[in-house]
PDB file of N, CA and C in Angstrom:
ATOM      1  N   UNK A   1      11.217 -30.615  35.730  1.00  0.00           N
ATOM      2  CA  UNK A   1      11.174 -29.792  34.558  1.00  0.00           C
ATOM      3  C   UNK A   1      12.349 -28.833  34.553  1.00  0.00           C
ATOM      4  N   UNK A   2      12.819 -28.553  33.354  1.00  0.00           N
ATOM      5  CA  UNK A   2      13.923 -27.598  33.253  1.00  0.00           C
ATOM      6  C   UNK A   2      13.374 -26.185  33.185  1.00  0.00           C
ATOM      7  N   UNK A   3      14.216 -25.279  33.550  1.00  0.00           N
ATOM      8  CA  UNK A   3      13.831 -23.882  33.556  1.00  0.00           C
ATOM      9  C   UNK A   3      13.768 -23.366  32.116  1.00  0.00           C
ATOM     10  N   UNK A   4      12.641 -22.745  31.738  1.00  0.00           N
ATOM     11  CA  UNK A   4      12.491 -22.239  30.374  1.00  0.00           C
ATOM     12  C   UNK A   4      12.476 -20.718  30.395  1.00  0.00           C
ATOM     13  N   UNK A   5      13.175 -20.129  29.430  1.00  0.00           N
ATOM     14  CA  UNK A   5      13.225 -18.676  29.321  1.00  0.00           C
ATOM     15  C   UNK A   5      12.522 -18.277  28.034  1.00  0.00           C
ATOM     16  N   UNK A   6      11.738 -17.219  28.100  1.00  0.00           N
ATOM     17  CA  UNK A   6      11.030 -16.775  26.910  1.00  0.00           C
ATOM     18  C   UNK A   6      11.917 -15.933  26.014  1.00  0.00           C
ATOM     19  N   UNK A   7      12.953 -15.344  26.557  1.00  0.00           N
ATOM     20  CA  UNK A   7      13.832 -14.517  25.755  1.00  0.00           C
ATOM     21  C   UNK A   7      13.328 -13.099  25.603  1.00  0.00           C
ATOM     22  N   UNK A   8      12.194 -12.769  26.213  1.00  0.00           N
ATOM     23  CA  UNK A   8      11.652 -11.429  26.090  1.00  0.00           C
ATOM     24  C   UNK A   8      12.486 -10.410  26.858  1.00  0.00           C
ATOM     25  N   UNK A   9      12.998 -10.794  27.997  1.00  0.00           N
ATOM     26  CA  UNK A   9      13.824  -9.886  28.804  1.00  0.00           C
ATOM     27  C   UNK A   9      15.072  -9.440  28.054  1.00  0.00           C
ATOM     28  N   UNK A  10      15.873 -10.382  27.524  1.00  0.00           N
ATOM     29  CA  UNK A  10      17.057  -9.977  26.761  1.00  0.00           C
ATOM     30  C   UNK A  10      16.702  -9.164  25.515  1.00  0.00           C
ATOM     31  N   UNK A  11      15.590  -9.493  24.874  1.00  0.00           N
ATOM     32  CA  UNK A  11      15.164  -8.732  23.697  1.00  0.00           C
ATOM     33  C   UNK A  11      14.858  -7.286  24.082  1.00  0.00           C
ATOM     34  N   UNK A  12      14.097  -7.100  25.141  1.00  0.00           N
ATOM     35  CA  UNK A  12      13.741  -5.763  25.603  1.00  0.00           C
ATOM     36  C   UNK A  12      14.992  -4.981  26.009  1.00  0.00           C
ATOM     37  N   UNK A  13      15.910  -5.643  26.654  1.00  0.00           N
ATOM     38  CA  UNK A  13      17.172  -5.010  27.043  1.00  0.00           C
ATOM     39  C   UNK A  13      17.933  -4.549  25.793  1.00  0.00           C
ATOM     40  N   UNK A  14      17.987  -5.365  24.768  1.00  0.00           N
ATOM     41  CA  UNK A  14      18.665  -5.005  23.528  1.00  0.00           C
ATOM     42  C   UNK A  14      18.008  -3.827  22.827  1.00  0.00           C
ATOM     43  N   UNK A  15      16.672  -3.780  22.853  1.00  0.00           N
ATOM     44  CA  UNK A  15      15.955  -2.659  22.239  1.00  0.00           C
ATOM     45  C   UNK A  15      16.295  -1.360  22.959  1.00  0.00           C
ATOM     46  N   UNK A  16      16.308  -1.400  24.268  1.00  0.00           N
ATOM     47  CA  UNK A  16      16.616  -0.194  25.054  1.00  0.00           C
ATOM     48  C   UNK A  16      18.049   0.263  24.791  1.00  0.00           C
ATOM     49  N   UNK A  17      18.993  -0.649  24.812  1.00  0.00           N
ATOM     50  CA  UNK A  17      20.401  -0.293  24.564  1.00  0.00           C
ATOM     51  C   UNK A  17      20.565   0.250  23.140  1.00  0.00           C
ATOM     52  N   UNK A  18      19.940  -0.390  22.150  1.00  0.00           N
ATOM     53  CA  UNK A  18      20.039   0.072  20.763  1.00  0.00           C
ATOM     54  C   UNK A  18      19.458   1.455  20.573  1.00  0.00           C
ATOM     55  N   UNK A  19      18.306   1.706  21.163  1.00  0.00           N
ATOM     56  CA  UNK A  19      17.678   3.023  21.050  1.00  0.00           C
ATOM     57  C   UNK A  19      18.537   4.088  21.718  1.00  0.00           C
ATOM     58  N   UNK A  20      19.103   3.760  22.866  1.00  0.00           N
ATOM     59  CA  UNK A  20      19.959   4.720  23.572  1.00  0.00           C
ATOM     60  C   UNK A  20      21.182   5.076  22.738  1.00  0.00           C
ATOM     61  N   UNK A  21      21.844   4.074  22.188  1.00  0.00           N
ATOM     62  CA  UNK A  21      23.019   4.327  21.359  1.00  0.00           C
ATOM     63  C   UNK A  21      22.643   5.100  20.088  1.00  0.00           C
ATOM     64  N   UNK A  22      21.490   4.809  19.546  1.00  0.00           N
ATOM     65  CA  UNK A  22      21.032   5.531  18.364  1.00  0.00           C
ATOM     66  C   UNK A  22      20.834   7.004  18.640  1.00  0.00           C
ATOM     67  N   UNK A  23      20.239   7.320  19.785  1.00  0.00           N
ATOM     68  CA  UNK A  23      20.051   8.729  20.137  1.00  0.00           C
ATOM     69  C   UNK A  23      21.373   9.422  20.413  1.00  0.00           C
ATOM     70  N   UNK A  24      22.314   8.722  21.031  1.00  0.00           N
ATOM     71  CA  UNK A  24      23.601   9.330  21.357  1.00  0.00           C
ATOM     72  C   UNK A  24      24.462   9.605  20.126  1.00  0.00           C
ATOM     73  N   UNK A  25      24.440   8.680  19.154  1.00  0.00           N
ATOM     74  CA  UNK A  25      25.351   8.791  18.028  1.00  0.00           C
ATOM     75  C   UNK A  25      24.691   9.216  16.716  1.00  0.00           C
ATOM     76  N   UNK A  26      23.443   9.649  16.747  1.00  0.00           N
ATOM     77  CA  UNK A  26      22.759  10.088  15.530  1.00  0.00           C
ATOM     78  C   UNK A  26      23.456  11.339  14.987  1.00  0.00           C
ATOM     79  N   UNK A  27      23.793  11.348  13.683  1.00  0.00           N
ATOM     80  CA  UNK A  27      24.507  12.491  13.124  1.00  0.00           C
ATOM     81  C   UNK A  27      23.651  13.740  12.970  1.00  0.00           C
ATOM     82  N   UNK A  28      22.350  13.599  12.884  1.00  0.00           N
ATOM     83  CA  UNK A  28      21.474  14.762  12.749  1.00  0.00           C
ATOM     84  C   UNK A  28      20.098  14.421  13.301  1.00  0.00           C
ATOM     85  N   UNK A  29      19.248  15.419  13.352  1.00  0.00           N
ATOM     86  CA  UNK A  29      17.913  15.239  13.910  1.00  0.00           C
ATOM     87  C   UNK A  29      17.081  14.284  13.053  1.00  0.00           C
ATOM     88  N   UNK A  30      16.084  13.691  13.649  1.00  0.00           N
ATOM     89  CA  UNK A  30      15.240  12.733  12.955  1.00  0.00           C
ATOM     90  C   UNK A  30      14.513  13.324  11.760  1.00  0.00           C
ATOM     91  N   UNK A  31      14.006  14.561  11.902  1.00  0.00           N
ATOM     92  CA  UNK A  31      13.283  15.200  10.795  1.00  0.00           C
ATOM     93  C   UNK A  31      14.199  15.400   9.597  1.00  0.00           C
ATOM     94  N   UNK A  32      15.431  15.796   9.846  1.00  0.00           N
ATOM     95  CA  UNK A  32      16.386  15.996   8.753  1.00  0.00           C
ATOM     96  C   UNK A  32      16.737  14.660   8.092  1.00  0.00           C
ATOM     97  N   UNK A  33      16.895  13.621   8.879  1.00  0.00           N
ATOM     98  CA  UNK A  33      17.193  12.295   8.331  1.00  0.00           C
ATOM     99  C   UNK A  33      16.053  11.786   7.477  1.00  0.00           C
ATOM    100  N   UNK A  34      14.823  11.962   7.954  1.00  0.00           N
ATOM    101  CA  UNK A  34      13.663  11.513   7.180  1.00  0.00           C
ATOM    102  C   UNK A  34      13.531  12.290   5.876  1.00  0.00           C
ATOM    103  N   UNK A  35      13.823  13.592   5.931  1.00  0.00           N
ATOM    104  CA  UNK A  35      13.752  14.417   4.720  1.00  0.00           C
ATOM    105  C   UNK A  35      14.774  13.963   3.696  1.00  0.00           C
ATOM    106  N   UNK A  36      16.006  13.712   4.135  1.00  0.00           N
ATOM    107  CA  UNK A  36      17.048  13.241   3.228  1.00  0.00           C
ATOM    108  C   UNK A  36      16.694  11.873   2.647  1.00  0.00           C
ATOM    109  N   UNK A  37      16.177  10.994   3.490  1.00  0.00           N
ATOM    110  CA  UNK A  37      15.798   9.663   3.037  1.00  0.00           C
ATOM    111  C   UNK A  37      14.665   9.737   2.019  1.00  0.00           C
ATOM    112  N   UNK A  38      13.648  10.543   2.287  1.00  0.00           N
ATOM    113  CA  UNK A  38      12.518  10.680   1.367  1.00  0.00           C
ATOM    114  C   UNK A  38      12.985  11.254   0.031  1.00  0.00           C
ATOM    115  N   UNK A  39      13.880  12.241   0.068  1.00  0.00           N
ATOM    116  CA  UNK A  39      14.397  12.829  -1.167  1.00  0.00           C
ATOM    117  C   UNK A  39      15.155  11.787  -1.983  1.00  0.00           C
ATOM    118  N   UNK A  40      15.980  11.005  -1.321  1.00  0.00           N
ATOM    119  CA  UNK A  40      16.773   9.983  -2.014  1.00  0.00           C
ATOM    120  C   UNK A  40      15.870   8.902  -2.620  1.00  0.00           C
ATOM    121  N   UNK A  41      14.833   8.514  -1.904  1.00  0.00           N
ATOM    122  CA  UNK A  41      13.899   7.516  -2.423  1.00  0.00           C
ATOM    123  C   UNK A  41      13.187   8.056  -3.652  1.00  0.00           C
ATOM    124  N   UNK A  42      12.763   9.333  -3.621  1.00  0.00           N
ATOM    125  CA  UNK A  42      12.112   9.931  -4.791  1.00  0.00           C
ATOM    126  C   UNK A  42      13.057   9.981  -5.984  1.00  0.00           C
ATOM    127  N   UNK A  43      14.335  10.323  -5.738  1.00  0.00           N
ATOM    128  CA  UNK A  43      15.322  10.363  -6.826  1.00  0.00           C
ATOM    129  C   UNK A  43      15.517   8.978  -7.448  1.00  0.00           C
ATOM    130  N   UNK A  44      15.647   7.964  -6.600  1.00  0.00           N
ATOM    131  CA  UNK A  44      15.816   6.603  -7.103  1.00  0.00           C
ATOM    132  C   UNK A  44      14.587   6.137  -7.882  1.00  0.00           C
ATOM    133  N   UNK A  45      13.404   6.473  -7.371  1.00  0.00           N
ATOM    134  CA  UNK A  45      12.175   6.088  -8.065  1.00  0.00           C
ATOM    135  C   UNK A  45      12.106   6.760  -9.434  1.00  0.00           C
ATOM    136  N   UNK A  46      12.476   8.033  -9.512  1.00  0.00           N
ATOM    137  CA  UNK A  46      12.455   8.749 -10.794  1.00  0.00           C
ATOM    138  C   UNK A  46      13.444   8.123 -11.775  1.00  0.00           C
ATOM    139  N   UNK A  47      14.631   7.758 -11.286  1.00  0.00           N
ATOM    140  CA  UNK A  47      15.625   7.116 -12.148  1.00  0.00           C
ATOM    141  C   UNK A  47      15.096   5.786 -12.700  1.00  0.00           C
ATOM    142  N   UNK A  48      14.512   4.977 -11.833  1.00  0.00           N
ATOM    143  CA  UNK A  48      14.022   3.673 -12.259  1.00  0.00           C
ATOM    144  C   UNK A  48      12.836   3.809 -13.211  1.00  0.00           C
ATOM    145  N   UNK A  49      11.982   4.803 -13.000  1.00  0.00           N
ATOM    146  CA  UNK A  49      10.861   5.031 -13.909  1.00  0.00           C
ATOM    147  C   UNK A  49      11.383   5.439 -15.278  1.00  0.00           C
ATOM    148  N   UNK A  50      12.417   6.289 -15.306  1.00  0.00           N
ATOM    149  CA  UNK A  50      13.020   6.680 -16.583  1.00  0.00           C
ATOM    150  C   UNK A  50      13.617   5.480 -17.295  1.00  0.00           C
ATOM    151  N   UNK A  51      14.347   4.632 -16.562  1.00  0.00           N
ATOM    152  CA  UNK A  51      14.941   3.444 -17.162  1.00  0.00           C
ATOM    153  C   UNK A  51      13.863   2.514 -17.710  1.00  0.00           C
ATOM    154  N   UNK A  52      12.792   2.325 -16.948  1.00  0.00           N
ATOM    155  CA  UNK A  52      11.707   1.471 -17.390  1.00  0.00           C
ATOM    156  C   UNK A  52      11.039   2.044 -18.630  1.00  0.00           C
ATOM    157  N   UNK A  53      10.860   3.364 -18.661  1.00  0.00           N
ATOM    158  CA  UNK A  53      10.274   4.011 -19.824  1.00  0.00           C
ATOM    159  C   UNK A  53      11.118   3.815 -21.066  1.00  0.00           C
ATOM    160  N   UNK A  54      12.444   3.871 -20.905  1.00  0.00           N
ATOM    161  CA  UNK A  54      13.340   3.646 -22.035  1.00  0.00           C
ATOM    162  C   UNK A  54      13.228   2.210 -22.539  1.00  0.00           C
ATOM    163  N   UNK A  55      13.143   1.253 -21.624  1.00  0.00           N
ATOM    164  CA  UNK A  55      13.045  -0.148 -22.016  1.00  0.00           C
ATOM    165  C   UNK A  55      11.725  -0.442 -22.718  1.00  0.00           C
ATOM    166  N   UNK A  56      10.634   0.057 -22.164  1.00  0.00           N
ATOM    167  CA  UNK A  56       9.318  -0.215 -22.717  1.00  0.00           C
ATOM    168  C   UNK A  56       9.081   0.603 -23.980  1.00  0.00           C
ATOM    169  N   UNK A  57       9.578   1.841 -23.999  1.00  0.00           N
ATOM    170  CA  UNK A  57       9.314   2.743 -25.101  1.00  0.00           C
ATOM    171  C   UNK A  57      10.102   2.464 -26.353  1.00  0.00           C
ATOM    172  N   UNK A  58      11.196   1.740 -26.258  1.00  0.00           N
ATOM    173  CA  UNK A  58      12.004   1.503 -27.446  1.00  0.00           C
ATOM    174  C   UNK A  58      11.275   0.536 -28.370  1.00  0.00           C
ATOM    175  N   UNK A  59      11.081   0.973 -29.616  1.00  0.00           N
ATOM    176  CA  UNK A  59      10.363   0.165 -30.600  1.00  0.00           C
ATOM    177  C   UNK A  59      11.209  -1.003 -31.079  1.00  0.00           C
ATOM    178  N   UNK A  60      12.434  -0.711 -31.496  1.00  0.00           N
ATOM    179  CA  UNK A  60      13.318  -1.739 -32.042  1.00  0.00           C
ATOM    180  C   UNK A  60      14.668  -1.660 -31.335  1.00  0.00           C
ATOM    181  N   UNK A  61      15.232  -2.829 -31.062  1.00  0.00           N
ATOM    182  CA  UNK A  61      16.547  -2.854 -30.450  1.00  0.00           C
ATOM    183  C   UNK A  61      17.625  -2.698 -31.500  1.00  0.00           C
ATOM    184  N   UNK A  62      17.428  -3.271 -32.660  1.00  0.00           N
ATOM    185  CA  UNK A  62      18.346  -3.136 -33.777  1.00  0.00           C
ATOM    186  C   UNK A  62      17.521  -2.790 -34.995  1.00  0.00           C
ATOM    187  N   UNK A  63      18.160  -2.625 -36.129  1.00  0.00           N
ATOM    188  CA  UNK A  63      17.434  -2.284 -37.343  1.00  0.00           C
ATOM    189  C   UNK A  63      16.464  -3.405 -37.709  1.00  0.00           C
ATOM    190  N   UNK A  64      15.168  -3.122 -37.597  1.00  0.00           N
ATOM    191  CA  UNK A  64      14.161  -4.081 -38.007  1.00  0.00           C
ATOM    192  C   UNK A  64      13.924  -5.241 -37.060  1.00  0.00           C
ATOM    193  N   UNK A  65      14.707  -5.366 -36.005  1.00  0.00           N
ATOM    194  CA  UNK A  65      14.537  -6.477 -35.069  1.00  0.00           C
ATOM    195  C   UNK A  65      13.463  -6.116 -34.043  1.00  0.00           C
ATOM    196  N   UNK A  66      12.407  -6.931 -33.921  1.00  0.00           N
ATOM    197  CA  UNK A  66      11.353  -6.612 -32.954  1.00  0.00           C
ATOM    198  C   UNK A  66      11.845  -6.840 -31.522  1.00  0.00           C
ATOM    199  N   UNK A  67      11.284  -6.093 -30.625  1.00  0.00           N
ATOM    200  CA  UNK A  67      11.631  -6.268 -29.216  1.00  0.00           C
ATOM    201  C   UNK A  67      10.984  -7.542 -28.692  1.00  0.00           C
ATOM    202  N   UNK A  68      11.404  -7.959 -27.533  1.00  0.00           N
ATOM    203  CA  UNK A  68      10.828  -9.155 -26.919  1.00  0.00           C
ATOM    204  C   UNK A  68       9.345  -8.943 -26.653  1.00  0.00           C
ATOM    205  N   UNK A  69       8.985  -7.724 -26.248  1.00  0.00           N
ATOM    206  CA  UNK A  69       7.585  -7.421 -25.971  1.00  0.00           C
ATOM    207  C   UNK A  69       6.743  -7.558 -27.240  1.00  0.00           C
ATOM    208  N   UNK A  70       7.241  -7.034 -28.371  1.00  0.00           N
ATOM    209  CA  UNK A  70       6.507  -7.122 -29.627  1.00  0.00           C
ATOM    210  C   UNK A  70       6.375  -8.576 -30.073  1.00  0.00           C
ATOM    211  N   UNK A  71       7.431  -9.347 -29.899  1.00  0.00           N
ATOM    212  CA  UNK A  71       7.383 -10.757 -30.288  1.00  0.00           C
ATOM    213  C   UNK A  71       6.378 -11.523 -29.430  1.00  0.00           C
ATOM    214  N   UNK A  72       6.357 -11.264 -28.132  1.00  0.00           N
ATOM    215  CA  UNK A  72       5.406 -11.937 -27.252  1.00  0.00           C
ATOM    216  C   UNK A  72       3.970 -11.532 -27.567  1.00  0.00           C
ATOM    217  N   UNK A  73       3.771 -10.265 -27.872  1.00  0.00           N
ATOM    218  CA  UNK A  73       2.432  -9.791 -28.230  1.00  0.00           C
ATOM    219  C   UNK A  73       1.948 -10.490 -29.501  1.00  0.00           C
ATOM    220  N   UNK A  74       2.834 -10.611 -30.495  1.00  0.00           N
ATOM    221  CA  UNK A  74       2.478 -11.284 -31.740  1.00  0.00           C
ATOM    222  C   UNK A  74       2.133 -12.747 -31.487  1.00  0.00           C
ATOM    223  N   UNK A  75       2.935 -13.425 -30.674  1.00  0.00           N
ATOM    224  CA  UNK A  75       2.676 -14.842 -30.390  1.00  0.00           C
ATOM    225  C   UNK A  75       1.368 -15.025 -29.643  1.00  0.00           C
ATOM    226  N   UNK A  76       1.079 -14.112 -28.700  1.00  0.00           N
ATOM    227  CA  UNK A  76      -0.167 -14.197 -27.946  1.00  0.00           C
ATOM    228  C   UNK A  76      -1.364 -13.981 -28.861  1.00  0.00           C
ATOM    229  N   UNK A  77      -1.268 -13.020 -29.747  1.00  0.00           N
ATOM    230  CA  UNK A  77      -2.351 -12.760 -30.697  1.00  0.00           C
ATOM    231  C   UNK A  77      -2.581 -13.966 -31.598  1.00  0.00           C
ATOM    232  N   UNK A  78      -1.504 -14.561 -32.086  1.00  0.00           N
ATOM    233  CA  UNK A  78      -1.627 -15.758 -32.931  1.00  0.00           C
ATOM    234  C   UNK A  78      -2.279 -16.917 -32.169  1.00  0.00           C
ATOM    235  N   UNK A  79      -1.880 -17.099 -30.916  1.00  0.00           N
ATOM    236  CA  UNK A  79      -2.441 -18.185 -30.110  1.00  0.00           C
ATOM    237  C   UNK A  79      -3.928 -17.965 -29.864  1.00  0.00           C
ATOM    238  N   UNK A  80      -4.338 -16.717 -29.595  1.00  0.00           N
ATOM    239  CA  UNK A  80      -5.758 -16.427 -29.385  1.00  0.00           C
ATOM    240  C   UNK A  80      -6.557 -16.696 -30.660  1.00  0.00           C
ATOM    241  N   UNK A  81      -5.976 -16.328 -31.810  1.00  0.00           N
ATOM    242  CA  UNK A  81      -6.657 -16.559 -33.087  1.00  0.00           C
ATOM    243  C   UNK A  81      -6.837 -18.060 -33.322  1.00  0.00           C
ATOM    244  N   UNK A  82      -5.783 -18.837 -33.088  1.00  0.00           N
ATOM    245  CA  UNK A  82      -5.872 -20.288 -33.274  1.00  0.00           C
ATOM    246  C   UNK A  82      -6.917 -20.900 -32.346  1.00  0.00           C
ATOM    247  N   UNK A  83      -7.001 -20.384 -31.119  1.00  0.00           N
ATOM    248  CA  UNK A  83      -7.954 -20.914 -30.148  1.00  0.00           C
ATOM    249  C   UNK A  83      -9.391 -20.621 -30.585  1.00  0.00           C
ATOM    250  N   UNK A  84      -9.629 -19.402 -31.088  1.00  0.00           N
ATOM    251  CA  UNK A  84     -10.972 -19.064 -31.572  1.00  0.00           C
ATOM    252  C   UNK A  84     -11.371 -19.964 -32.735  1.00  0.00           C
ATOM    253  N   UNK A  85     -10.436 -20.199 -33.653  1.00  0.00           N
ATOM    254  CA  UNK A  85     -10.722 -21.056 -34.809  1.00  0.00           C
ATOM    255  C   UNK A  85     -11.014 -22.475 -34.343  1.00  0.00           C
ATOM    256  N   UNK A  86     -10.257 -22.982 -33.397  1.00  0.00           N
ATOM    257  CA  UNK A  86     -10.452 -24.342 -32.896  1.00  0.00           C
ATOM    258  C   UNK A  86     -11.788 -24.478 -32.173  1.00  0.00           C
ATOM    259  N   UNK A  87     -12.228 -23.447 -31.446  1.00  0.00           N
ATOM    260  CA  UNK A  87     -13.505 -23.498 -30.733  1.00  0.00           C
ATOM    261  C   UNK A  87     -14.676 -23.541 -31.701  1.00  0.00           C
ATOM    262  N   UNK A  88     -14.533 -22.834 -32.796  1.00  0.00           N
ATOM    263  CA  UNK A  88     -15.608 -22.812 -33.784  1.00  0.00           C
ATOM    264  C   UNK A  88     -15.663 -24.109 -34.582  1.00  0.00           C
ATOM    265  N   UNK A  89     -14.584 -24.870 -34.499  1.00  0.00           N
ATOM    266  CA  UNK A  89     -14.566 -26.152 -35.181  1.00  0.00           C
ATOM    267  C   UNK A  89     -14.272 -26.049 -36.658  1.00  0.00           C
ATOM    268  N   UNK A  90     -13.865 -24.915 -37.085  1.00  0.00           N
ATOM    269  CA  UNK A  90     -13.596 -24.750 -38.509  1.00  0.00           C
ATOM    270  C   UNK A  90     -12.138 -24.462 -38.750  1.00  0.00           C
ATOM    271  N   UNK A  91     -11.785 -24.472 -40.019  1.00  0.00           N
ATOM    272  CA  UNK A  91     -10.433 -24.106 -40.376  1.00  0.00           C
ATOM    273  C   UNK A  91      -9.465 -25.252 -40.224  1.00  0.00           C
ATOM    274  N   UNK A  92      -8.288 -25.005 -40.678  1.00  0.00           N
ATOM    275  CA  UNK A  92      -7.226 -25.995 -40.609  1.00  0.00           C
ATOM    276  C   UNK A  92      -6.489 -25.818 -39.295  1.00  0.00           C
ATOM    277  N   UNK A  93      -6.285 -26.904 -38.589  1.00  0.00           N
ATOM    278  CA  UNK A  93      -5.553 -26.818 -37.335  1.00  0.00           C
ATOM    279  C   UNK A  93      -4.081 -26.586 -37.611  1.00  0.00           C
ATOM    280  N   UNK A  94      -3.507 -25.644 -36.886  1.00  0.00           N
ATOM    281  CA  UNK A  94      -2.105 -25.342 -37.041  1.00  0.00           C
ATOM    282  C   UNK A  94      -1.341 -25.986 -35.895  1.00  0.00           C
ATOM    283  N   UNK A  95      -0.083 -26.299 -36.172  1.00  0.00           N
ATOM    284  CA  UNK A  95       0.741 -26.836 -35.098  1.00  0.00           C
ATOM    285  C   UNK A  95       1.119 -25.701 -34.160  1.00  0.00           C
ATOM    286  N   UNK A  96       1.239 -26.028 -32.895  1.00  0.00           N
ATOM    287  CA  UNK A  96       1.655 -25.025 -31.914  1.00  0.00           C
ATOM    288  C   UNK A  96       3.092 -24.615 -32.161  1.00  0.00           C
ATOM    289  N   UNK A  97       3.343 -23.372 -31.907  1.00  0.00           N
ATOM    290  CA  UNK A  97       4.690 -22.846 -32.032  1.00  0.00           C
ATOM    291  C   UNK A  97       5.523 -23.384 -30.879  1.00  0.00           C
ATOM    292  N   UNK A  98       6.772 -23.748 -31.110  1.00  0.00           N
ATOM    293  CA  UNK A  98       7.575 -24.259 -30.002  1.00  0.00           C
ATOM    294  C   UNK A  98       7.801 -23.178 -28.963  1.00  0.00           C
ATOM    295  N   UNK A  99       7.767 -23.593 -27.713  1.00  0.00           N
ATOM    296  CA  UNK A  99       8.013 -22.670 -26.618  1.00  0.00           C
ATOM    297  C   UNK A  99       9.499 -22.527 -26.426  1.00  0.00           C
ATOM    298  N   UNK A 100       9.951 -21.298 -26.297  1.00  0.00           N
ATOM    299  CA  UNK A 100      11.357 -20.957 -26.068  1.00  0.00           C
ATOM    300  C   UNK A 100      12.091 -20.771 -27.300  1.00  0.00           C
TER     301      UNK A 100
END
């Protein structure tokens, strides 16, 4: 049988060396780094929430042109109405709207 290595020894050695170098070359204390990171994450989250609000909140993209969300909502409502009519067995069957 050939000699098999699990690779755990080199991995552990790398973790120790990495942690040591991290402590030696860290520009500031851990608490300060975490505070800066948390602040930056909150700022980015606020920016993205604002952008999302602008996208969702806009009623029309151009004069009278419905947004994609409004168009999808209308199509979904129409499809539900057609399905209810078909289940009841009444009414005139409509052709499905082309997808895309």
